[in-house]
Amino acid sequence: MNLHKTALGLASGILTGLCIFVCTIWAMFKGGGNTLILMNQFYIGYSISWIGAIVGLAWGFVSGFIGGWVFALLYNIFAGKCCEEAKEKTE
């Protein structure tokens, strides 16, 4: 069974982007976010503000999509090889 790369990429991207968005808004209202502000070293334009939340949403989607897509690709490659080896042993 293979994973659909685009579907897993979209799901991962949406979840990652929304998590960063919600965490940024939470940090704005609670005050603080000393650790969260470190994401601006990875995501250009990110800050703890409304615009930073949108930028984080976009960057989170992109990085989540790439991560999910690569995970599905590697899973399909390794699961395919393991299944082929199992089929050869049973024959």
C-alpha atoms as a PDB file:
ATOM      1  CA  MET A   1       0.000   0.000   0.000  1.00  0.00           C
ATOM      2  CA  ASN A   2       1.414   3.371  -1.031  1.00  0.00           C
ATOM      3  CA  LEU A   3       0.847   6.747   0.564  1.00  0.00           C
ATOM      4  CA  HIS A   4      -0.434   9.526  -1.686  1.00  0.00           C
ATOM      5  CA  LYS A   5       2.375  12.089  -1.634  1.00  0.00           C
ATOM      6  CA  THR A   6       0.277  15.146  -2.475  1.00  0.00           C
ATOM      7  CA  ALA A   7      -2.471  14.293   0.005  1.00  0.00           C
ATOM      8  CA  LEU A   8      -0.019  13.758   2.859  1.00  0.00           C
ATOM      9  CA  GLY A   9       1.842  16.917   1.865  1.00  0.00           C
ATOM     10  CA  LEU A  10      -1.348  18.984   1.904  1.00  0.00           C
ATOM     11  CA  ALA A  11      -2.484  17.564   5.235  1.00  0.00           C
ATOM     12  CA  SER A  12       0.928  18.138   6.817  1.00  0.00           C
ATOM     13  CA  GLY A  13       1.197  21.623   5.366  1.00  0.00           C
ATOM     14  CA  ILE A  14      -2.232  22.709   6.546  1.00  0.00           C
ATOM     15  CA  LEU A  15      -1.669  21.364  10.061  1.00  0.00           C
ATOM     16  CA  THR A  16       1.810  22.867  10.371  1.00  0.00           C
ATOM     17  CA  GLY A  17       0.685  26.252   9.054  1.00  0.00           C
ATOM     18  CA  LEU A  18      -2.341  26.372  11.346  1.00  0.00           C
ATOM     19  CA  CYS A  19      -0.271  25.354  14.373  1.00  0.00           C
ATOM     20  CA  ILE A  20       2.226  28.158  13.760  1.00  0.00           C
ATOM     21  CA  PHE A  21      -0.624  30.632  13.164  1.00  0.00           C
ATOM     22  CA  VAL A  22      -2.453  29.681  16.373  1.00  0.00           C
ATOM     23  CA  CYS A  23       0.744  29.658  18.448  1.00  0.00           C
ATOM     24  CA  THR A  24       1.645  33.125  17.174  1.00  0.00           C
ATOM     25  CA  ILE A  25      -1.804  34.550  17.976  1.00  0.00           C
ATOM     26  CA  TRP A  26      -1.691  32.866  21.394  1.00  0.00           C
ATOM     27  CA  ALA A  27       1.720  34.409  22.098  1.00  0.00           C
ATOM     28  CA  MET A  28       0.410  37.841  21.071  1.00  0.00           C
ATOM     29  CA  PHE A  29      -2.496  37.723  23.500  1.00  0.00           C
ATOM     30  CA  LYS A  30      -0.622  36.068  26.362  1.00  0.00           C
ATOM     31  CA  GLY A  31       2.474  38.188  25.957  1.00  0.00           C
ATOM     32  CA  GLY A  32       5.832  36.583  25.588  1.00  0.00           C
ATOM     33  CA  GLY A  33       6.828  34.043  23.019  1.00  0.00           C
ATOM     34  CA  ASN A  34      10.539  34.220  23.757  1.00  0.00           C
ATOM     35  CA  THR A  35      11.083  30.798  22.238  1.00  0.00           C
ATOM     36  CA  LEU A  36       8.608  31.328  19.393  1.00  0.00           C
ATOM     37  CA  ILE A  37      10.440  34.406  18.133  1.00  0.00           C
ATOM     38  CA  LEU A  38      13.408  32.173  17.284  1.00  0.00           C
ATOM     39  CA  MET A  39      11.450  30.953  14.250  1.00  0.00           C
ATOM     40  CA  ASN A  40      12.388  34.183  12.490  1.00  0.00           C
ATOM     41  CA  GLN A  41      15.822  32.635  11.992  1.00  0.00           C
ATOM     42  CA  PHE A  42      14.224  29.982   9.758  1.00  0.00           C
ATOM     43  CA  TYR A  43      11.187  31.795   8.357  1.00  0.00           C
ATOM     44  CA  ILE A  44      12.043  35.095   6.669  1.00  0.00           C
ATOM     45  CA  GLY A  45       9.631  37.841   7.714  1.00  0.00           C
ATOM     46  CA  TYR A  46       8.220  36.003  10.738  1.00  0.00           C
ATOM     47  CA  SER A  47       7.472  37.971  13.900  1.00  0.00           C
ATOM     48  CA  ILE A  48       4.968  37.807  16.730  1.00  0.00           C
ATOM     49  CA  SER A  49       2.334  40.034  15.118  1.00  0.00           C
ATOM     50  CA  TRP A  50      -0.714  39.652  12.879  1.00  0.00           C
ATOM     51  CA  ILE A  51       1.437  39.916   9.752  1.00  0.00           C
ATOM     52  CA  GLY A  52       3.954  37.530  11.304  1.00  0.00           C
ATOM     53  CA  ALA A  53       1.129  35.056  11.933  1.00  0.00           C
ATOM     54  CA  ILE A  54       0.197  35.150   8.234  1.00  0.00           C
ATOM     55  CA  VAL A  55       3.852  34.799   7.227  1.00  0.00           C
ATOM     56  CA  GLY A  56       4.213  31.879   9.653  1.00  0.00           C
ATOM     57  CA  LEU A  57       1.078  30.284   8.208  1.00  0.00           C
ATOM     58  CA  ALA A  58       2.529  30.476   4.704  1.00  0.00           C
ATOM     59  CA  TRP A  59       5.995  29.245   5.693  1.00  0.00           C
ATOM     60  CA  GLY A  60       4.482  26.528   7.858  1.00  0.00           C
ATOM     61  CA  PHE A  61       2.379  25.317   4.957  1.00  0.00           C
ATOM     62  CA  VAL A  62       5.377  25.198   2.634  1.00  0.00           C
ATOM     63  CA  SER A  63       7.680  23.418   5.069  1.00  0.00           C
ATOM     64  CA  GLY A  64       4.905  21.050   6.217  1.00  0.00           C
ATOM     65  CA  PHE A  65       4.011  20.203   2.619  1.00  0.00           C
ATOM     66  CA  ILE A  66       7.620  19.449   1.736  1.00  0.00           C
ATOM     67  CA  GLY A  67       8.099  17.380   4.894  1.00  0.00           C
ATOM     68  CA  GLY A  68       4.922  15.352   4.329  1.00  0.00           C
ATOM     69  CA  TRP A  69       5.677  14.819   0.647  1.00  0.00           C
ATOM     70  CA  VAL A  70       9.230  13.628   1.341  1.00  0.00           C
ATOM     71  CA  PHE A  71       7.991  11.354   4.150  1.00  0.00           C
ATOM     72  CA  ALA A  72       5.440   9.744   1.805  1.00  0.00           C
ATOM     73  CA  LEU A  73       8.076   9.350  -0.909  1.00  0.00           C
ATOM     74  CA  LEU A  74      10.519   7.638   1.437  1.00  0.00           C
ATOM     75  CA  TYR A  75       7.768   5.484   2.941  1.00  0.00           C
ATOM     76  CA  ASN A  76       6.698   4.333  -0.518  1.00  0.00           C
ATOM     77  CA  ILE A  77      10.272   3.545  -1.502  1.00  0.00           C
ATOM     78  CA  PHE A  78      11.087   1.545   1.623  1.00  0.00           C
ATOM     79  CA  ALA A  79       7.680  -0.122   1.958  1.00  0.00           C
ATOM     80  CA  GLY A  80       7.907  -1.229  -1.656  1.00  0.00           C
ATOM     81  CA  LYS A  81      11.321  -2.805  -1.129  1.00  0.00           C
ATOM     82  CA  CYS A  82      10.220  -4.528   2.077  1.00  0.00           C
ATOM     83  CA  CYS A  83       7.113  -5.895   0.358  1.00  0.00           C
ATOM     84  CA  GLU A  84       9.167  -7.202  -2.557  1.00  0.00           C
ATOM     85  CA  GLU A  85      11.539  -8.996  -0.176  1.00  0.00           C
ATOM     86  CA  ALA A  86       8.617 -10.528   1.719  1.00  0.00           C
ATOM     87  CA  LYS A  87       7.021 -11.750  -1.495  1.00  0.00           C
ATOM     88  CA  GLU A  88      10.287 -13.353  -2.613  1.00  0.00           C
ATOM     89  CA  LYS A  89      10.651 -15.195   0.712  1.00  0.00           C
ATOM     90  CA  THR A  90       7.121 -16.617   0.534  1.00  0.00           C
ATOM     91  CA  GLU A  91       7.563 -17.885  -3.012  1.00  0.00           C
END
